[in-house]
């Protein structure tokens, strides 16, 4: 009797296991059928959602057209390329800030390579003058245009860029040119579709020796005030050995205040000096 009881229990355990296996199999079959019928069922082997395309990401350098109320700084440099241009470009690259270089006619290999670097690193090239000789370029409107075209042709032959933005040597209200000649130049350049830019903040760095970076910084901040659009005049020549340091200070300062940096384009609203 005892042996029969054990055999009966064993048979019951085997039967129970078989029933449990059958139930599990039916459950898996039903789940598989549902997944096949429902295309929205997640596939556990699927990867994470795709990240946005790289072209949709915001460019750190920024080239968008400013909107009303935006706080923007335009760093601009006159008279380069020079022995300090590479140092300035290094700071701009490190801090991912675009700028505009109003250049003169450089014929050395170093100067030509700096034209390339300015363009290749996302900055804007503008025309200052080929010769930078005031007495020659301001003799007449035709003399100015001839100098302008000489530099435009020069840049086009080297970097394939023919700028339509420019800055008058001495500014658009300088006392080095006859006012009648200046007005004629402005009319002729406007007819060409060219745009000139002055400034509304300056470092006062055009003296016979380099000014300390802190002094230049203080001059810019004082002259800029709380303007929403700040267009800064700096100089890029061999004497401006403190320019790169000042540029780094300005970028840090204005970013902390919520400004972004842009390069000038023909569509940028011009800043002109007024009497």
C-alpha atoms as a PDB file:
ATOM      1  CA  UNK A   1       0.000   0.000   0.000  1.00  0.00           C
ATOM      2  CA  UNK A   2       2.795   2.325   0.842  1.00  0.00           C
ATOM      3  CA  UNK A   3       4.520   1.690  -2.514  1.00  0.00           C
ATOM      4  CA  UNK A   4       1.254   2.274  -4.439  1.00  0.00           C
ATOM      5  CA  UNK A   5       0.816   5.578  -2.630  1.00  0.00           C
ATOM      6  CA  UNK A   6       4.279   6.751  -3.720  1.00  0.00           C
ATOM      7  CA  UNK A   7       3.628   5.715  -7.302  1.00  0.00           C
ATOM      8  CA  UNK A   8       0.328   7.636  -7.288  1.00  0.00           C
ATOM      9  CA  UNK A   9       2.020  10.756  -5.956  1.00  0.00           C
ATOM     10  CA  UNK A  10       4.710  10.518  -8.619  1.00  0.00           C
ATOM     11  CA  UNK A  11       2.112  10.195 -11.359  1.00  0.00           C
ATOM     12  CA  UNK A  12       0.321  13.274  -9.993  1.00  0.00           C
ATOM     13  CA  UNK A  13       3.552  15.301  -9.978  1.00  0.00           C
ATOM     14  CA  UNK A  14       4.353  14.295 -13.552  1.00  0.00           C
ATOM     15  CA  UNK A  15       0.842  15.183 -14.676  1.00  0.00           C
ATOM     16  CA  UNK A  16       1.029  18.550 -12.897  1.00  0.00           C
ATOM     17  CA  UNK A  17       4.327  19.416 -14.532  1.00  0.00           C
ATOM     18  CA  UNK A  18       2.957  18.513 -17.947  1.00  0.00           C
ATOM     19  CA  UNK A  19      -0.093  20.712 -17.422  1.00  0.00           C
ATOM     20  CA  UNK A  20       2.115  23.623 -16.278  1.00  0.00           C
ATOM     21  CA  UNK A  21       4.335  23.273 -19.344  1.00  0.00           C
ATOM     22  CA  UNK A  22       1.287  23.202 -21.623  1.00  0.00           C
ATOM     23  CA  UNK A  23      -0.074  26.391 -20.005  1.00  0.00           C
ATOM     24  CA  UNK A  24       3.237  28.219 -20.416  1.00  0.00           C
ATOM     25  CA  UNK A  25       3.474  27.193 -24.023  1.00  0.00           C
ATOM     26  CA  UNK A  26      -0.030  28.459 -24.784  1.00  0.00           C
ATOM     27  CA  UNK A  27       0.758  31.765 -23.055  1.00  0.00           C
ATOM     28  CA  UNK A  28       3.901  32.333 -25.119  1.00  0.00           C
ATOM     29  CA  UNK A  29       2.009  31.447 -28.306  1.00  0.00           C
ATOM     30  CA  UNK A  30      -0.741  33.963 -27.484  1.00  0.00           C
ATOM     31  CA  UNK A  31       1.801  36.721 -26.751  1.00  0.00           C
ATOM     32  CA  UNK A  32       3.602  36.062 -30.007  1.00  0.00           C
ATOM     33  CA  UNK A  33       0.329  36.203 -31.935  1.00  0.00           C
ATOM     34  CA  UNK A  34      -0.568  39.559 -30.340  1.00  0.00           C
ATOM     35  CA  UNK A  35       2.856  41.033 -31.119  1.00  0.00           C
ATOM     36  CA  UNK A  36       2.557  39.984 -34.742  1.00  0.00           C
ATOM     37  CA  UNK A  37      -0.908  41.508 -35.021  1.00  0.00           C
ATOM     38  CA  UNK A  38       0.076  44.805 -33.314  1.00  0.00           C
ATOM     39  CA  UNK A  39       2.844  46.675 -35.247  1.00  0.00           C
ATOM     40  CA  UNK A  40       3.202  49.257 -32.448  1.00  0.00           C
ATOM     41  CA  UNK A  41       4.485  46.666 -29.983  1.00  0.00           C
ATOM     42  CA  UNK A  42       8.069  47.702 -29.099  1.00  0.00           C
ATOM     43  CA  UNK A  43      10.834  45.487 -30.366  1.00  0.00           C
ATOM     44  CA  UNK A  44      13.136  44.753 -27.421  1.00  0.00           C
ATOM     45  CA  UNK A  45      16.048  44.407 -29.823  1.00  0.00           C
ATOM     46  CA  UNK A  46      15.503  47.908 -31.290  1.00  0.00           C
ATOM     47  CA  UNK A  47      18.116  50.585 -30.501  1.00  0.00           C
ATOM     48  CA  UNK A  48      17.651  54.016 -28.916  1.00  0.00           C
ATOM     49  CA  UNK A  49      15.841  56.746 -30.889  1.00  0.00           C
ATOM     50  CA  UNK A  50      18.023  58.356 -33.539  1.00  0.00           C
ATOM     51  CA  UNK A  51      19.712  61.622 -32.553  1.00  0.00           C
ATOM     52  CA  UNK A  52      18.953  64.762 -34.622  1.00  0.00           C
ATOM     53  CA  UNK A  53      20.967  65.186 -37.784  1.00  0.00           C
ATOM     54  CA  UNK A  54      24.214  67.085 -37.347  1.00  0.00           C
ATOM     55  CA  UNK A  55      23.021  69.743 -39.780  1.00  0.00           C
ATOM     56  CA  UNK A  56      20.177  70.534 -37.386  1.00  0.00           C
ATOM     57  CA  UNK A  57      22.501  71.268 -34.484  1.00  0.00           C
ATOM     58  CA  UNK A  58      23.269  74.893 -33.697  1.00  0.00           C
ATOM     59  CA  UNK A  59      26.636  76.018 -35.060  1.00  0.00           C
ATOM     60  CA  UNK A  60      28.767  77.183 -32.127  1.00  0.00           C
ATOM     61  CA  UNK A  61      30.169  80.045 -34.186  1.00  0.00           C
ATOM     62  CA  UNK A  62      26.704  81.321 -35.156  1.00  0.00           C
ATOM     63  CA  UNK A  63      25.810  83.066 -38.381  1.00  0.00           C
ATOM     64  CA  UNK A  64      22.103  83.720 -37.982  1.00  0.00           C
ATOM     65  CA  UNK A  65      20.511  87.067 -38.709  1.00  0.00           C
ATOM     66  CA  UNK A  66      19.864  88.930 -35.440  1.00  0.00           C
ATOM     67  CA  UNK A  67      16.310  89.154 -34.145  1.00  0.00           C
ATOM     68  CA  UNK A  68      14.838  92.157 -32.373  1.00  0.00           C
ATOM     69  CA  UNK A  69      15.882  92.285 -28.744  1.00  0.00           C
ATOM     70  CA  UNK A  70      18.925  90.044 -29.182  1.00  0.00           C
ATOM     71  CA  UNK A  71      22.155  91.142 -27.531  1.00  0.00           C
ATOM     72  CA  UNK A  72      24.997  90.855 -30.027  1.00  0.00           C
ATOM     73  CA  UNK A  73      28.660  91.825 -30.122  1.00  0.00           C
ATOM     74  CA  UNK A  74      30.573  92.284 -33.368  1.00  0.00           C
ATOM     75  CA  UNK A  75      34.347  92.131 -32.942  1.00  0.00           C
ATOM     76  CA  UNK A  76      36.068  93.913 -35.830  1.00  0.00           C
ATOM     77  CA  UNK A  77      39.770  94.363 -36.573  1.00  0.00           C
ATOM     78  CA  UNK A  78      41.376  96.933 -38.878  1.00  0.00           C
ATOM     79  CA  UNK A  79      44.757  96.919 -40.653  1.00  0.00           C
ATOM     80  CA  UNK A  80      45.633  93.201 -40.712  1.00  0.00           C
ATOM     81  CA  UNK A  81      46.873  90.693 -41.423  1.00  0.00           C
ATOM     82  CA  UNK A  82      49.882  91.226 -39.193  1.00  0.00           C
ATOM     83  CA  UNK A  83      52.296  89.575 -36.790  1.00  0.00           C
ATOM     84  CA  UNK A  84      49.545  89.384 -34.139  1.00  0.00           C
ATOM     85  CA  UNK A  85      46.698  88.080 -36.334  1.00  0.00           C
ATOM     86  CA  UNK A  86      47.465  84.432 -35.578  1.00  0.00           C
ATOM     87  CA  UNK A  87      47.302  85.103 -31.816  1.00  0.00           C
ATOM     88  CA  UNK A  88      43.928  86.800 -32.213  1.00  0.00           C
ATOM     89  CA  UNK A  89      42.655  83.905 -34.331  1.00  0.00           C
ATOM     90  CA  UNK A  90      43.857  81.418 -31.721  1.00  0.00           C
ATOM     91  CA  UNK A  91      41.741  83.096 -29.031  1.00  0.00           C
ATOM     92  CA  UNK A  92      38.706  83.326 -31.304  1.00  0.00           C
ATOM     93  CA  UNK A  93      39.039  79.633 -32.164  1.00  0.00           C
ATOM     94  CA  UNK A  94      39.450  78.583 -28.537  1.00  0.00           C
ATOM     95  CA  UNK A  95      36.362  80.523 -27.481  1.00  0.00           C
ATOM     96  CA  UNK A  96      34.372  79.758 -30.654  1.00  0.00           C
ATOM     97  CA  UNK A  97      33.608  83.399 -31.420  1.00  0.00           C
ATOM     98  CA  UNK A  98      33.354  84.788 -34.966  1.00  0.00           C
ATOM     99  CA  UNK A  99      34.784  88.163 -35.931  1.00  0.00           C
ATOM    100  CA  UNK A 100      35.334  90.454 -38.917  1.00  0.00           C
ATOM    101  CA  UNK A 101      38.703  91.469 -40.308  1.00  0.00           C
ATOM    102  CA  UNK A 102      38.899  94.635 -42.425  1.00  0.00           C
ATOM    103  CA  UNK A 103      42.160  93.896 -44.162  1.00  0.00           C
ATOM    104  CA  UNK A 104      44.795  95.633 -46.271  1.00  0.00           C
ATOM    105  CA  UNK A 105      46.904  94.337 -49.151  1.00  0.00           C
ATOM    106  CA  UNK A 106      49.262  91.618 -47.893  1.00  0.00           C
ATOM    107  CA  UNK A 107      51.694  90.114 -50.385  1.00  0.00           C
ATOM    108  CA  UNK A 108      53.868  87.906 -48.146  1.00  0.00           C
ATOM    109  CA  UNK A 109      53.226  84.193 -47.846  1.00  0.00           C
ATOM    110  CA  UNK A 110      52.366  84.661 -44.179  1.00  0.00           C
ATOM    111  CA  UNK A 111      49.831  87.343 -45.015  1.00  0.00           C
ATOM    112  CA  UNK A 112      48.223  85.210 -47.709  1.00  0.00           C
ATOM    113  CA  UNK A 113      48.019  82.215 -45.380  1.00  0.00           C
ATOM    114  CA  UNK A 114      46.311  84.417 -42.768  1.00  0.00           C
ATOM    115  CA  UNK A 115      43.685  85.456 -45.331  1.00  0.00           C
ATOM    116  CA  UNK A 116      42.994  81.760 -45.775  1.00  0.00           C
ATOM    117  CA  UNK A 117      42.865  81.101 -42.061  1.00  0.00           C
ATOM    118  CA  UNK A 118      40.414  83.965 -41.472  1.00  0.00           C
ATOM    119  CA  UNK A 119      38.024  82.521 -44.054  1.00  0.00           C
ATOM    120  CA  UNK A 120      38.581  78.851 -43.188  1.00  0.00           C
ATOM    121  CA  UNK A 121      37.841  79.440 -39.492  1.00  0.00           C
ATOM    122  CA  UNK A 122      34.491  81.076 -40.170  1.00  0.00           C
ATOM    123  CA  UNK A 123      35.297  84.771 -39.904  1.00  0.00           C
ATOM    124  CA  UNK A 124      34.324  87.538 -42.303  1.00  0.00           C
ATOM    125  CA  UNK A 125      36.713  89.346 -44.619  1.00  0.00           C
ATOM    126  CA  UNK A 126      36.054  93.009 -45.262  1.00  0.00           C
ATOM    127  CA  UNK A 127      37.970  95.626 -47.211  1.00  0.00           C
ATOM    128  CA  UNK A 128      39.873  98.406 -45.479  1.00  0.00           C
ATOM    129  CA  UNK A 129      42.132  99.500 -48.331  1.00  0.00           C
ATOM    130  CA  UNK A 130      44.949  98.011 -50.337  1.00  0.00           C
ATOM    131  CA  UNK A 131      47.572 100.666 -49.649  1.00  0.00           C
ATOM    132  CA  UNK A 132      46.149 102.365 -46.551  1.00  0.00           C
ATOM    133  CA  UNK A 133      47.708 105.599 -47.785  1.00  0.00           C
ATOM    134  CA  UNK A 134      45.155 108.269 -46.983  1.00  0.00           C
ATOM    135  CA  UNK A 135      46.560 110.932 -49.284  1.00  0.00           C
ATOM    136  CA  UNK A 136      46.345 108.584 -52.260  1.00  0.00           C
ATOM    137  CA  UNK A 137      43.029 106.855 -51.737  1.00  0.00           C
ATOM    138  CA  UNK A 138      41.139 110.028 -50.787  1.00  0.00           C
ATOM    139  CA  UNK A 139      42.349 112.133 -53.726  1.00  0.00           C
ATOM    140  CA  UNK A 140      39.065 111.417 -55.499  1.00  0.00           C
ATOM    141  CA  UNK A 141      36.207 108.939 -55.593  1.00  0.00           C
ATOM    142  CA  UNK A 142      37.839 107.227 -58.571  1.00  0.00           C
ATOM    143  CA  UNK A 143      41.107 106.857 -56.649  1.00  0.00           C
ATOM    144  CA  UNK A 144      39.242 105.246 -53.762  1.00  0.00           C
ATOM    145  CA  UNK A 145      37.372 102.839 -56.021  1.00  0.00           C
ATOM    146  CA  UNK A 146      40.561 101.897 -57.817  1.00  0.00           C
ATOM    147  CA  UNK A 147      42.224 101.017 -54.495  1.00  0.00           C
ATOM    148  CA  UNK A 148      39.094  99.129 -53.376  1.00  0.00           C
ATOM    149  CA  UNK A 149      39.014  97.074 -56.572  1.00  0.00           C
ATOM    150  CA  UNK A 150      42.702  96.305 -56.314  1.00  0.00           C
ATOM    151  CA  UNK A 151      42.211  94.719 -52.895  1.00  0.00           C
ATOM    152  CA  UNK A 152      38.984  92.964 -53.935  1.00  0.00           C
ATOM    153  CA  UNK A 153      40.802  91.422 -56.911  1.00  0.00           C
ATOM    154  CA  UNK A 154      43.731  90.474 -54.672  1.00  0.00           C
ATOM    155  CA  UNK A 155      41.517  88.652 -52.153  1.00  0.00           C
ATOM    156  CA  UNK A 156      39.515  86.976 -54.895  1.00  0.00           C
ATOM    157  CA  UNK A 157      42.695  85.591 -56.468  1.00  0.00           C
ATOM    158  CA  UNK A 158      43.959  84.217 -53.125  1.00  0.00           C
ATOM    159  CA  UNK A 159      40.914  82.968 -51.217  1.00  0.00           C
ATOM    160  CA  UNK A 160      38.121  83.198 -53.779  1.00  0.00           C
ATOM    161  CA  UNK A 161      36.265  85.839 -51.764  1.00  0.00           C
ATOM    162  CA  UNK A 162      35.320  89.277 -53.091  1.00  0.00           C
ATOM    163  CA  UNK A 163      34.013  91.226 -50.083  1.00  0.00           C
ATOM    164  CA  UNK A 164      31.167  93.717 -50.330  1.00  0.00           C
ATOM    165  CA  UNK A 165      31.548  94.991 -46.767  1.00  0.00           C
ATOM    166  CA  UNK A 166      34.159  97.619 -45.976  1.00  0.00           C
ATOM    167  CA  UNK A 167      35.392 100.198 -43.505  1.00  0.00           C
ATOM    168  CA  UNK A 168      36.783 103.571 -44.489  1.00  0.00           C
ATOM    169  CA  UNK A 169      40.342 104.156 -43.266  1.00  0.00           C
ATOM    170  CA  UNK A 170      39.804 106.692 -40.500  1.00  0.00           C
ATOM    171  CA  UNK A 171      36.041 106.051 -40.526  1.00  0.00           C
ATOM    172  CA  UNK A 172      33.288 107.463 -42.681  1.00  0.00           C
ATOM    173  CA  UNK A 173      33.517 110.932 -41.082  1.00  0.00           C
ATOM    174  CA  UNK A 174      37.282 111.294 -41.067  1.00  0.00           C
ATOM    175  CA  UNK A 175      38.980 114.694 -41.467  1.00  0.00           C
ATOM    176  CA  UNK A 176      41.586 113.267 -43.841  1.00  0.00           C
ATOM    177  CA  UNK A 177      39.348 113.447 -46.895  1.00  0.00           C
ATOM    178  CA  UNK A 178      37.366 116.231 -48.475  1.00  0.00           C
ATOM    179  CA  UNK A 179      33.735 115.846 -47.323  1.00  0.00           C
ATOM    180  CA  UNK A 180      32.559 116.164 -50.933  1.00  0.00           C
ATOM    181  CA  UNK A 181      34.857 113.313 -51.969  1.00  0.00           C
ATOM    182  CA  UNK A 182      33.635 111.168 -49.065  1.00  0.00           C
ATOM    183  CA  UNK A 183      29.997 111.680 -50.048  1.00  0.00           C
ATOM    184  CA  UNK A 184      30.754 110.794 -53.654  1.00  0.00           C
ATOM    185  CA  UNK A 185      32.525 107.624 -52.540  1.00  0.00           C
ATOM    186  CA  UNK A 186      29.537 106.634 -50.394  1.00  0.00           C
ATOM    187  CA  UNK A 187      27.143 107.172 -53.288  1.00  0.00           C
ATOM    188  CA  UNK A 188      29.245 105.134 -55.708  1.00  0.00           C
ATOM    189  CA  UNK A 189      29.794 102.310 -53.237  1.00  0.00           C
ATOM    190  CA  UNK A 190      26.086 102.155 -52.394  1.00  0.00           C
ATOM    191  CA  UNK A 191      25.306 101.908 -56.103  1.00  0.00           C
ATOM    192  CA  UNK A 192      27.591  98.881 -56.212  1.00  0.00           C
ATOM    193  CA  UNK A 193      25.679  97.240 -53.371  1.00  0.00           C
ATOM    194  CA  UNK A 194      28.577  97.576 -50.933  1.00  0.00           C
ATOM    195  CA  UNK A 195      27.992  98.282 -47.234  1.00  0.00           C
ATOM    196  CA  UNK A 196      30.318 100.198 -44.928  1.00  0.00           C
ATOM    197  CA  UNK A 197      30.570  99.871 -41.161  1.00  0.00           C
ATOM    198  CA  UNK A 198      31.894 102.264 -38.555  1.00  0.00           C
ATOM    199  CA  UNK A 199      31.681 101.360 -34.829  1.00  0.00           C
ATOM    200  CA  UNK A 200      29.882 102.245 -31.601  1.00  0.00           C
ATOM    201  CA  UNK A 201      32.550 101.019 -29.158  1.00  0.00           C
ATOM    202  CA  UNK A 202      36.323 101.216 -29.355  1.00  0.00           C
ATOM    203  CA  UNK A 203      39.437 100.114 -27.514  1.00  0.00           C
ATOM    204  CA  UNK A 204      41.422 103.290 -28.278  1.00  0.00           C
ATOM    205  CA  UNK A 205      44.313 101.062 -29.286  1.00  0.00           C
ATOM    206  CA  UNK A 206      45.677 103.149 -32.154  1.00  0.00           C
ATOM    207  CA  UNK A 207      48.534 104.811 -30.282  1.00  0.00           C
ATOM    208  CA  UNK A 208      52.283 104.547 -30.999  1.00  0.00           C
ATOM    209  CA  UNK A 209      52.668 101.681 -28.525  1.00  0.00           C
ATOM    210  CA  UNK A 210      50.537  98.813 -27.251  1.00  0.00           C
ATOM    211  CA  UNK A 211      48.023  99.686 -24.558  1.00  0.00           C
ATOM    212  CA  UNK A 212      47.564  97.271 -21.641  1.00  0.00           C
ATOM    213  CA  UNK A 213      44.811  94.731 -22.277  1.00  0.00           C
ATOM    214  CA  UNK A 214      42.880  95.882 -19.209  1.00  0.00           C
ATOM    215  CA  UNK A 215      42.946  99.483 -20.412  1.00  0.00           C
ATOM    216  CA  UNK A 216      41.638  98.457 -23.826  1.00  0.00           C
ATOM    217  CA  UNK A 217      38.933  96.341 -22.188  1.00  0.00           C
ATOM    218  CA  UNK A 218      37.846  99.235 -19.959  1.00  0.00           C
ATOM    219  CA  UNK A 219      37.677 101.578 -22.962  1.00  0.00           C
ATOM    220  CA  UNK A 220      35.430  99.174 -24.852  1.00  0.00           C
ATOM    221  CA  UNK A 221      33.079  98.567 -21.942  1.00  0.00           C
ATOM    222  CA  UNK A 222      32.809 102.294 -21.161  1.00  0.00           C
ATOM    223  CA  UNK A 223      32.100 103.263 -24.773  1.00  0.00           C
ATOM    224  CA  UNK A 224      29.674 100.377 -25.400  1.00  0.00           C
ATOM    225  CA  UNK A 225      27.469 101.103 -22.418  1.00  0.00           C
ATOM    226  CA  UNK A 226      24.359  98.923 -22.371  1.00  0.00           C
ATOM    227  CA  UNK A 227      23.720  98.848 -26.124  1.00  0.00           C
ATOM    228  CA  UNK A 228      22.016  95.713 -27.429  1.00  0.00           C
ATOM    229  CA  UNK A 229      24.151  95.704 -30.601  1.00  0.00           C
ATOM    230  CA  UNK A 230      27.811  96.472 -29.904  1.00  0.00           C
ATOM    231  CA  UNK A 231      30.225  96.889 -32.810  1.00  0.00           C
ATOM    232  CA  UNK A 232      33.763  97.089 -31.452  1.00  0.00           C
ATOM    233  CA  UNK A 233      36.728  98.661 -33.240  1.00  0.00           C
ATOM    234  CA  UNK A 234      40.068  96.977 -32.544  1.00  0.00           C
ATOM    235  CA  UNK A 235      43.319  97.103 -34.478  1.00  0.00           C
ATOM    236  CA  UNK A 236      45.373  94.266 -35.889  1.00  0.00           C
ATOM    237  CA  UNK A 237      48.929  95.380 -36.552  1.00  0.00           C
ATOM    238  CA  UNK A 238      52.363  94.440 -35.286  1.00  0.00           C
ATOM    239  CA  UNK A 239      52.223  96.964 -32.421  1.00  0.00           C
ATOM    240  CA  UNK A 240      49.010  95.532 -30.913  1.00  0.00           C
ATOM    241  CA  UNK A 241      50.693  92.805 -28.913  1.00  0.00           C
ATOM    242  CA  UNK A 242      48.007  92.923 -26.197  1.00  0.00           C
ATOM    243  CA  UNK A 243      45.065  92.582 -28.608  1.00  0.00           C
ATOM    244  CA  UNK A 244      44.607  88.818 -28.211  1.00  0.00           C
ATOM    245  CA  UNK A 245      44.497  89.059 -24.414  1.00  0.00           C
ATOM    246  CA  UNK A 246      41.910  91.825 -24.590  1.00  0.00           C
ATOM    247  CA  UNK A 247      39.785  89.825 -27.030  1.00  0.00           C
ATOM    248  CA  UNK A 248      39.608  86.913 -24.600  1.00  0.00           C
ATOM    249  CA  UNK A 249      38.536  89.236 -21.797  1.00  0.00           C
ATOM    250  CA  UNK A 250      35.825  90.812 -23.952  1.00  0.00           C
ATOM    251  CA  UNK A 251      34.379  87.484 -25.045  1.00  0.00           C
ATOM    252  CA  UNK A 252      34.151  86.195 -21.472  1.00  0.00           C
ATOM    253  CA  UNK A 253      32.658  89.463 -20.214  1.00  0.00           C
ATOM    254  CA  UNK A 254      29.927  89.842 -22.800  1.00  0.00           C
ATOM    255  CA  UNK A 255      28.944  86.181 -22.775  1.00  0.00           C
ATOM    256  CA  UNK A 256      28.391  86.444 -19.035  1.00  0.00           C
ATOM    257  CA  UNK A 257      26.043  89.352 -19.793  1.00  0.00           C
ATOM    258  CA  UNK A 258      24.040  87.257 -22.268  1.00  0.00           C
ATOM    259  CA  UNK A 259      25.496  88.529 -25.549  1.00  0.00           C
ATOM    260  CA  UNK A 260      26.382  86.333 -28.483  1.00  0.00           C
ATOM    261  CA  UNK A 261      29.040  87.034 -31.101  1.00  0.00           C
ATOM    262  CA  UNK A 262      28.520  87.411 -34.826  1.00  0.00           C
ATOM    263  CA  UNK A 263      30.538  88.254 -37.923  1.00  0.00           C
ATOM    264  CA  UNK A 264      29.331  91.122 -40.101  1.00  0.00           C
ATOM    265  CA  UNK A 265      27.549  90.388 -43.373  1.00  0.00           C
ATOM    266  CA  UNK A 266      26.069  92.649 -46.088  1.00  0.00           C
ATOM    267  CA  UNK A 267      22.684  92.067 -44.399  1.00  0.00           C
ATOM    268  CA  UNK A 268      23.812  93.279 -40.980  1.00  0.00           C
ATOM    269  CA  UNK A 269      22.285  96.628 -40.039  1.00  0.00           C
ATOM    270  CA  UNK A 270      25.156  99.124 -40.514  1.00  0.00           C
ATOM    271  CA  UNK A 271      26.550 101.253 -37.720  1.00  0.00           C
ATOM    272  CA  UNK A 272      27.547 104.707 -38.990  1.00  0.00           C
ATOM    273  CA  UNK A 273      29.224 107.576 -37.213  1.00  0.00           C
ATOM    274  CA  UNK A 274      27.162 110.728 -36.894  1.00  0.00           C
ATOM    275  CA  UNK A 275      28.320 114.312 -36.501  1.00  0.00           C
END
